[in-house]
Amino acid sequence: MSDRIDAGSAPQPVGAYPHARRVGSLLFLSGLGPRVPGSNEVPGNVYDADGRLVDYDIERQTRQLVANLDTVLAASGATRNDLVDITVFLTDMVRDFKRFNAIYAECFSEAGPCRTTVEVNALPTPIAVEFKCIASLERD
């Protein structure tokens, strides 16, 4: 059996799924993006007069994403130190990888979680980055 975790102070999921699920000592986080809790604004997004996305700021999105990650982890009784694996989805690897990686390095030490970064064609909301994480809550 697993425990469903909904972090009330994190952005609401965009589908019918929890923020996280604990199974034994493992914590599986659903895909998490950089939307601002409460408003669903995406930091750094720029829209034209017709409401079409014309530009975005990967650094602002990454910082908000890490803040959202911390919120979900805290609601789960975890911290970034408990993360063992992160899959990163970027919508433009060539444009964003270097700047994303610099912010990521500020937030995670070299002893941090394993990481895989992949480019995707699109994400379900107008975001440029998303995390999928696994943490271990096994305590020494």
N, C-alpha and C. Protein backbone atom coordinates (compact mmCIF):
# COMPACT_ATOMS: atom_id res chain seq x y z
N MET A 1 0.84 -1.18 0.00
CA MET A 1 0.00 0.00 0.00
C MET A 1 0.88 1.25 0.00
N SER A 2 0.34 2.36 -0.45
CA SER A 2 1.11 3.59 -0.49
C SER A 2 0.32 4.73 0.15
N ASP A 3 1.05 5.75 0.56
CA ASP A 3 0.44 6.93 1.16
C ASP A 3 0.46 8.07 0.16
N ARG A 4 -0.69 8.65 -0.09
CA ARG A 4 -0.83 9.79 -0.99
C ARG A 4 -0.45 11.06 -0.23
N ILE A 5 0.32 11.95 -0.87
CA ILE A 5 0.72 13.21 -0.25
C ILE A 5 0.30 14.36 -1.15
N ASP A 6 -0.49 15.24 -0.58
CA ASP A 6 -0.90 16.46 -1.29
C ASP A 6 -0.37 17.64 -0.49
N ALA A 7 0.51 18.41 -1.10
CA ALA A 7 1.11 19.58 -0.44
C ALA A 7 0.24 20.79 -0.72
N GLY A 8 -0.54 21.20 0.25
CA GLY A 8 -1.49 22.30 0.07
C GLY A 8 -0.87 23.61 -0.34
N SER A 9 0.38 23.85 0.02
CA SER A 9 1.01 25.13 -0.31
C SER A 9 1.85 25.07 -1.59
N ALA A 10 1.77 23.96 -2.31
CA ALA A 10 2.45 23.84 -3.61
C ALA A 10 1.43 24.10 -4.71
N PRO A 11 1.89 24.41 -5.92
CA PRO A 11 0.93 24.54 -7.02
C PRO A 11 0.13 23.24 -7.18
N GLN A 12 -1.14 23.36 -7.47
CA GLN A 12 -1.97 22.18 -7.64
C GLN A 12 -1.53 21.40 -8.89
N PRO A 13 -1.56 20.07 -8.82
CA PRO A 13 -1.25 19.28 -10.01
C PRO A 13 -2.20 19.66 -11.16
N VAL A 14 -1.74 19.52 -12.38
CA VAL A 14 -2.57 19.87 -13.53
C VAL A 14 -3.40 18.67 -14.01
N GLY A 15 -3.35 17.59 -13.28
CA GLY A 15 -4.13 16.40 -13.62
C GLY A 15 -4.59 15.70 -12.36
N ALA A 16 -5.15 14.52 -12.55
CA ALA A 16 -5.68 13.74 -11.43
C ALA A 16 -4.59 12.86 -10.83
N TYR A 17 -3.69 13.48 -10.08
CA TYR A 17 -2.60 12.76 -9.43
C TYR A 17 -2.14 13.55 -8.21
N PRO A 18 -1.51 12.87 -7.25
CA PRO A 18 -1.02 13.54 -6.04
C PRO A 18 0.33 14.21 -6.31
N HIS A 19 0.75 15.05 -5.39
CA HIS A 19 2.10 15.62 -5.47
C HIS A 19 3.15 14.52 -5.32
N ALA A 20 2.86 13.58 -4.42
CA ALA A 20 3.82 12.51 -4.15
C ALA A 20 3.09 11.30 -3.59
N ARG A 21 3.79 10.18 -3.59
CA ARG A 21 3.30 8.95 -3.00
C ARG A 21 4.47 8.26 -2.31
N ARG A 22 4.22 7.88 -1.06
CA ARG A 22 5.24 7.16 -0.30
C ARG A 22 4.90 5.67 -0.35
N VAL A 23 5.91 4.87 -0.70
CA VAL A 23 5.78 3.42 -0.72
C VAL A 23 6.94 2.89 0.10
N GLY A 24 6.66 2.39 1.30
CA GLY A 24 7.74 1.98 2.20
C GLY A 24 8.61 3.17 2.51
N SER A 25 9.91 3.02 2.28
CA SER A 25 10.83 4.13 2.55
C SER A 25 11.12 4.97 1.31
N LEU A 26 10.43 4.67 0.20
CA LEU A 26 10.64 5.44 -1.03
C LEU A 26 9.54 6.48 -1.21
N LEU A 27 9.92 7.63 -1.71
CA LEU A 27 9.01 8.72 -2.01
C LEU A 27 9.11 9.03 -3.49
N PHE A 28 7.99 8.93 -4.19
CA PHE A 28 7.93 9.22 -5.62
C PHE A 28 7.16 10.52 -5.82
N LEU A 29 7.82 11.52 -6.40
CA LEU A 29 7.16 12.79 -6.67
C LEU A 29 6.63 12.80 -8.10
N SER A 30 5.40 13.30 -8.26
CA SER A 30 4.86 13.49 -9.60
C SER A 30 5.64 14.60 -10.29
N GLY A 31 5.48 14.69 -11.61
CA GLY A 31 6.13 15.77 -12.35
C GLY A 31 5.80 17.11 -11.71
N LEU A 32 6.81 17.93 -11.53
CA LEU A 32 6.68 19.19 -10.81
C LEU A 32 7.24 20.31 -11.66
N GLY A 33 6.47 21.37 -11.82
CA GLY A 33 6.92 22.51 -12.62
C GLY A 33 7.09 23.77 -11.80
N PRO A 34 7.38 24.88 -12.48
CA PRO A 34 7.70 26.14 -11.80
C PRO A 34 6.53 27.10 -11.63
N ARG A 35 5.30 26.60 -11.62
CA ARG A 35 4.17 27.52 -11.43
C ARG A 35 4.16 28.07 -10.00
N VAL A 36 3.75 29.32 -9.85
CA VAL A 36 3.69 29.97 -8.54
C VAL A 36 2.44 29.48 -7.81
N PRO A 37 2.60 28.99 -6.57
CA PRO A 37 1.43 28.53 -5.81
C PRO A 37 0.38 29.63 -5.70
N GLY A 38 -0.87 29.25 -5.86
CA GLY A 38 -1.97 30.21 -5.72
C GLY A 38 -2.36 30.92 -7.00
N SER A 39 -1.38 31.35 -7.78
CA SER A 39 -1.70 32.12 -9.00
C SER A 39 -1.50 31.30 -10.28
N ASN A 40 -0.69 30.26 -10.20
CA ASN A 40 -0.30 29.46 -11.36
C ASN A 40 0.50 30.25 -12.39
N GLU A 41 0.94 31.46 -12.03
CA GLU A 41 1.83 32.24 -12.89
C GLU A 41 3.12 31.46 -13.08
N VAL A 42 3.73 31.61 -14.26
CA VAL A 42 5.03 31.00 -14.52
C VAL A 42 6.05 32.14 -14.56
N PRO A 43 6.95 32.19 -13.57
CA PRO A 43 7.92 33.29 -13.50
C PRO A 43 8.74 33.41 -14.78
N GLY A 44 8.85 34.63 -15.26
CA GLY A 44 9.69 34.90 -16.42
C GLY A 44 9.03 34.68 -17.76
N ASN A 45 7.79 34.20 -17.79
CA ASN A 45 7.12 34.04 -19.08
C ASN A 45 6.68 35.40 -19.61
N VAL A 46 6.86 35.60 -20.93
CA VAL A 46 6.47 36.83 -21.59
C VAL A 46 5.48 36.45 -22.69
N TYR A 47 4.34 37.14 -22.71
CA TYR A 47 3.28 36.86 -23.68
C TYR A 47 3.06 38.06 -24.59
N ASP A 48 2.64 37.81 -25.82
CA ASP A 48 2.30 38.91 -26.72
C ASP A 48 0.87 39.37 -26.45
N ALA A 49 0.40 40.35 -27.21
CA ALA A 49 -0.93 40.92 -26.99
C ALA A 49 -2.04 39.90 -27.17
N ASP A 50 -1.78 38.83 -27.92
CA ASP A 50 -2.78 37.78 -28.13
C ASP A 50 -2.67 36.65 -27.12
N GLY A 51 -1.77 36.81 -26.14
CA GLY A 51 -1.63 35.80 -25.10
C GLY A 51 -0.74 34.62 -25.47
N ARG A 52 -0.01 34.73 -26.57
CA ARG A 52 0.92 33.66 -26.96
C ARG A 52 2.27 33.87 -26.29
N LEU A 53 2.84 32.76 -25.81
CA LEU A 53 4.15 32.82 -25.17
C LEU A 53 5.20 33.20 -26.20
N VAL A 54 5.98 34.25 -25.92
CA VAL A 54 7.01 34.69 -26.87
C VAL A 54 8.42 34.56 -26.28
N ASP A 55 8.53 34.45 -24.96
CA ASP A 55 9.85 34.30 -24.35
C ASP A 55 9.66 33.80 -22.92
N TYR A 56 10.74 33.30 -22.34
CA TYR A 56 10.71 32.82 -20.96
C TYR A 56 12.10 32.95 -20.38
N ASP A 57 12.19 32.86 -19.06
CA ASP A 57 13.45 32.98 -18.34
C ASP A 57 13.69 31.67 -17.61
N ILE A 58 14.61 30.85 -18.12
CA ILE A 58 14.88 29.53 -17.54
C ILE A 58 15.43 29.64 -16.11
N GLU A 59 16.17 30.70 -15.83
CA GLU A 59 16.72 30.85 -14.49
C GLU A 59 15.61 31.09 -13.47
N ARG A 60 14.67 31.98 -13.77
CA ARG A 60 13.56 32.24 -12.85
C ARG A 60 12.68 31.00 -12.70
N GLN A 61 12.45 30.30 -13.80
CA GLN A 61 11.64 29.09 -13.73
C GLN A 61 12.34 28.02 -12.88
N THR A 62 13.64 27.88 -13.03
CA THR A 62 14.37 26.87 -12.26
C THR A 62 14.34 27.19 -10.78
N ARG A 63 14.52 28.44 -10.41
CA ARG A 63 14.47 28.82 -8.99
C ARG A 63 13.08 28.55 -8.40
N GLN A 64 12.01 28.85 -9.15
CA GLN A 64 10.67 28.58 -8.65
C GLN A 64 10.42 27.08 -8.55
N LEU A 65 10.93 26.33 -9.51
CA LEU A 65 10.79 24.88 -9.49
C LEU A 65 11.44 24.29 -8.24
N VAL A 66 12.63 24.74 -7.90
CA VAL A 66 13.31 24.23 -6.70
C VAL A 66 12.53 24.63 -5.45
N ALA A 67 11.96 25.83 -5.42
CA ALA A 67 11.13 26.23 -4.27
C ALA A 67 9.91 25.31 -4.16
N ASN A 68 9.29 24.98 -5.29
CA ASN A 68 8.14 24.07 -5.29
C ASN A 68 8.56 22.67 -4.84
N LEU A 69 9.73 22.24 -5.29
CA LEU A 69 10.26 20.95 -4.87
C LEU A 69 10.42 20.91 -3.36
N ASP A 70 11.01 21.96 -2.79
CA ASP A 70 11.20 22.02 -1.33
C ASP A 70 9.86 21.93 -0.60
N THR A 71 8.83 22.58 -1.14
CA THR A 71 7.50 22.56 -0.52
C THR A 71 6.92 21.15 -0.50
N VAL A 72 7.00 20.45 -1.62
CA VAL A 72 6.46 19.09 -1.70
C VAL A 72 7.28 18.15 -0.82
N LEU A 73 8.59 18.30 -0.83
CA LEU A 73 9.42 17.45 0.02
C LEU A 73 9.08 17.68 1.50
N ALA A 74 8.95 18.93 1.91
CA ALA A 74 8.63 19.23 3.32
C ALA A 74 7.28 18.61 3.71
N ALA A 75 6.30 18.70 2.84
CA ALA A 75 4.99 18.10 3.13
C ALA A 75 5.08 16.58 3.23
N SER A 76 6.12 16.03 2.67
CA SER A 76 6.34 14.58 2.68
C SER A 76 7.28 14.14 3.79
N GLY A 77 7.78 15.09 4.59
CA GLY A 77 8.73 14.77 5.65
C GLY A 77 10.13 14.55 5.13
N ALA A 78 10.46 15.20 4.02
CA ALA A 78 11.77 15.00 3.38
C ALA A 78 12.43 16.34 3.08
N THR A 79 13.69 16.27 2.65
CA THR A 79 14.44 17.44 2.20
C THR A 79 15.18 17.06 0.92
N ARG A 80 15.84 18.02 0.31
CA ARG A 80 16.64 17.74 -0.89
C ARG A 80 17.70 16.68 -0.61
N ASN A 81 18.19 16.61 0.64
CA ASN A 81 19.21 15.61 0.98
C ASN A 81 18.70 14.18 0.85
N ASP A 82 17.39 14.00 0.84
CA ASP A 82 16.79 12.66 0.71
C ASP A 82 16.62 12.23 -0.74
N LEU A 83 16.80 13.15 -1.67
CA LEU A 83 16.62 12.81 -3.09
C LEU A 83 17.71 11.86 -3.56
N VAL A 84 17.31 10.85 -4.31
CA VAL A 84 18.30 9.92 -4.87
C VAL A 84 18.34 9.99 -6.39
N ASP A 85 17.27 10.50 -7.02
CA ASP A 85 17.24 10.56 -8.48
C ASP A 85 16.31 11.67 -8.94
N ILE A 86 16.77 12.43 -9.92
CA ILE A 86 15.94 13.47 -10.54
C ILE A 86 16.04 13.30 -12.05
N THR A 87 14.89 13.29 -12.70
CA THR A 87 14.84 13.40 -14.16
C THR A 87 14.39 14.82 -14.46
N VAL A 88 15.17 15.50 -15.29
CA VAL A 88 14.88 16.88 -15.67
C VAL A 88 14.40 16.88 -17.11
N PHE A 89 13.30 17.57 -17.34
CA PHE A 89 12.78 17.74 -18.69
C PHE A 89 12.94 19.20 -19.08
N LEU A 90 13.67 19.46 -20.16
CA LEU A 90 13.84 20.81 -20.70
C LEU A 90 13.20 20.85 -22.09
N THR A 91 12.57 21.97 -22.42
CA THR A 91 11.97 22.09 -23.75
C THR A 91 12.96 22.60 -24.80
N ASP A 92 14.11 23.11 -24.38
CA ASP A 92 15.13 23.58 -25.33
C ASP A 92 16.52 23.38 -24.71
N MET A 93 17.08 22.22 -24.96
CA MET A 93 18.37 21.85 -24.37
C MET A 93 19.48 22.81 -24.80
N VAL A 94 19.53 23.16 -26.07
CA VAL A 94 20.61 24.01 -26.58
C VAL A 94 20.55 25.39 -25.92
N ARG A 95 19.38 25.96 -25.86
CA ARG A 95 19.23 27.31 -25.29
C ARG A 95 19.43 27.32 -23.77
N ASP A 96 18.90 26.30 -23.08
CA ASP A 96 18.74 26.41 -21.64
C ASP A 96 19.67 25.58 -20.77
N PHE A 97 20.32 24.56 -21.30
CA PHE A 97 21.05 23.63 -20.43
C PHE A 97 22.11 24.33 -19.58
N LYS A 98 22.92 25.16 -20.17
CA LYS A 98 24.01 25.80 -19.43
C LYS A 98 23.47 26.66 -18.29
N ARG A 99 22.47 27.49 -18.56
CA ARG A 99 21.92 28.37 -17.51
C ARG A 99 21.16 27.55 -16.46
N PHE A 100 20.40 26.53 -16.90
CA PHE A 100 19.72 25.65 -15.96
C PHE A 100 20.74 24.98 -15.05
N ASN A 101 21.79 24.43 -15.65
CA ASN A 101 22.79 23.68 -14.90
C ASN A 101 23.48 24.55 -13.85
N ALA A 102 23.69 25.82 -14.15
CA ALA A 102 24.32 26.73 -13.19
C ALA A 102 23.43 26.91 -11.95
N ILE A 103 22.13 27.11 -12.16
CA ILE A 103 21.21 27.26 -11.03
C ILE A 103 21.12 25.94 -10.26
N TYR A 104 21.04 24.83 -10.99
CA TYR A 104 20.96 23.51 -10.36
C TYR A 104 22.17 23.29 -9.45
N ALA A 105 23.35 23.66 -9.93
CA ALA A 105 24.57 23.47 -9.15
C ALA A 105 24.55 24.30 -7.86
N GLU A 106 23.88 25.44 -7.86
CA GLU A 106 23.73 26.24 -6.64
C GLU A 106 22.85 25.54 -5.63
N CYS A 107 21.91 24.75 -6.11
CA CYS A 107 20.89 24.15 -5.26
C CYS A 107 21.22 22.74 -4.78
N PHE A 108 22.11 22.06 -5.48
CA PHE A 108 22.46 20.68 -5.16
C PHE A 108 23.98 20.54 -5.14
N SER A 109 24.49 19.86 -4.13
CA SER A 109 25.93 19.64 -4.04
C SER A 109 26.34 18.53 -5.01
N GLU A 110 27.64 18.36 -5.17
CA GLU A 110 28.14 17.28 -6.03
C GLU A 110 27.72 15.92 -5.50
N ALA A 111 27.47 15.82 -4.20
CA ALA A 111 27.02 14.56 -3.59
C ALA A 111 25.51 14.42 -3.68
N GLY A 112 24.86 15.29 -4.44
CA GLY A 112 23.41 15.29 -4.56
C GLY A 112 22.90 14.07 -5.32
N PRO A 113 21.64 14.13 -5.73
CA PRO A 113 21.01 12.97 -6.38
C PRO A 113 21.58 12.70 -7.76
N CYS A 114 21.37 11.47 -8.23
CA CYS A 114 21.66 11.16 -9.63
C CYS A 114 20.73 12.02 -10.47
N ARG A 115 21.12 12.28 -11.72
CA ARG A 115 20.28 13.14 -12.56
C ARG A 115 20.38 12.72 -14.01
N THR A 116 19.25 12.76 -14.68
CA THR A 116 19.17 12.59 -16.12
C THR A 116 18.44 13.80 -16.66
N THR A 117 18.95 14.40 -17.72
CA THR A 117 18.30 15.56 -18.33
C THR A 117 17.96 15.21 -19.77
N VAL A 118 16.70 15.41 -20.13
CA VAL A 118 16.25 15.11 -21.48
C VAL A 118 15.50 16.31 -22.05
N GLU A 119 15.54 16.43 -23.37
CA GLU A 119 14.77 17.46 -24.04
C GLU A 119 13.44 16.85 -24.47
N VAL A 120 12.37 17.61 -24.24
CA VAL A 120 11.04 17.20 -24.67
C VAL A 120 10.46 18.27 -25.58
N ASN A 121 9.54 17.86 -26.40
CA ASN A 121 8.89 18.77 -27.35
C ASN A 121 8.03 19.81 -26.67
N ALA A 122 7.34 19.40 -25.61
CA ALA A 122 6.45 20.31 -24.88
C ALA A 122 6.16 19.72 -23.51
N LEU A 123 5.67 20.58 -22.63
CA LEU A 123 5.20 20.17 -21.31
C LEU A 123 3.74 20.62 -21.20
N PRO A 124 2.97 20.08 -20.24
CA PRO A 124 1.53 20.31 -20.25
C PRO A 124 1.05 21.74 -19.97
N THR A 125 1.91 22.58 -19.46
CA THR A 125 1.58 23.99 -19.26
C THR A 125 2.72 24.79 -19.88
N PRO A 126 2.63 26.12 -19.99
CA PRO A 126 3.69 26.88 -20.65
C PRO A 126 4.94 27.02 -19.77
N ILE A 127 5.59 25.89 -19.52
CA ILE A 127 6.81 25.87 -18.73
C ILE A 127 7.93 25.31 -19.58
N ALA A 128 9.17 25.63 -19.20
CA ALA A 128 10.33 25.18 -19.95
C ALA A 128 11.12 24.11 -19.23
N VAL A 129 10.75 23.79 -17.96
CA VAL A 129 11.49 22.83 -17.17
C VAL A 129 10.54 22.12 -16.21
N GLU A 130 10.81 20.85 -15.99
CA GLU A 130 10.02 20.05 -15.05
C GLU A 130 10.93 19.01 -14.41
N PHE A 131 10.65 18.66 -13.15
CA PHE A 131 11.37 17.61 -12.43
C PHE A 131 10.47 16.40 -12.20
N LYS A 132 11.06 15.23 -12.21
CA LYS A 132 10.45 13.98 -11.74
C LYS A 132 11.47 13.41 -10.77
N CYS A 133 11.07 13.20 -9.49
CA CYS A 133 12.04 12.87 -8.45
C CYS A 133 11.67 11.62 -7.68
N ILE A 134 12.71 10.97 -7.15
CA ILE A 134 12.57 9.86 -6.22
C ILE A 134 13.47 10.16 -5.03
N ALA A 135 12.92 9.95 -3.83
CA ALA A 135 13.68 10.17 -2.60
C ALA A 135 13.62 8.90 -1.74
N SER A 136 14.60 8.76 -0.88
CA SER A 136 14.62 7.68 0.08
C SER A 136 14.43 8.28 1.47
N LEU A 137 13.42 7.78 2.17
CA LEU A 137 13.15 8.27 3.52
C LEU A 137 13.67 7.31 4.58
N GLU A 138 14.49 6.39 4.15
CA GLU A 138 15.11 5.45 5.11
C GLU A 138 16.10 6.23 5.95
N ARG A 139 15.92 6.17 7.24
CA ARG A 139 16.80 6.91 8.16
C ARG A 139 17.83 5.96 8.75
N ASP A 140 19.04 6.49 8.94
CA ASP A 140 20.11 5.70 9.55
C ASP A 140 19.82 5.42 11.01
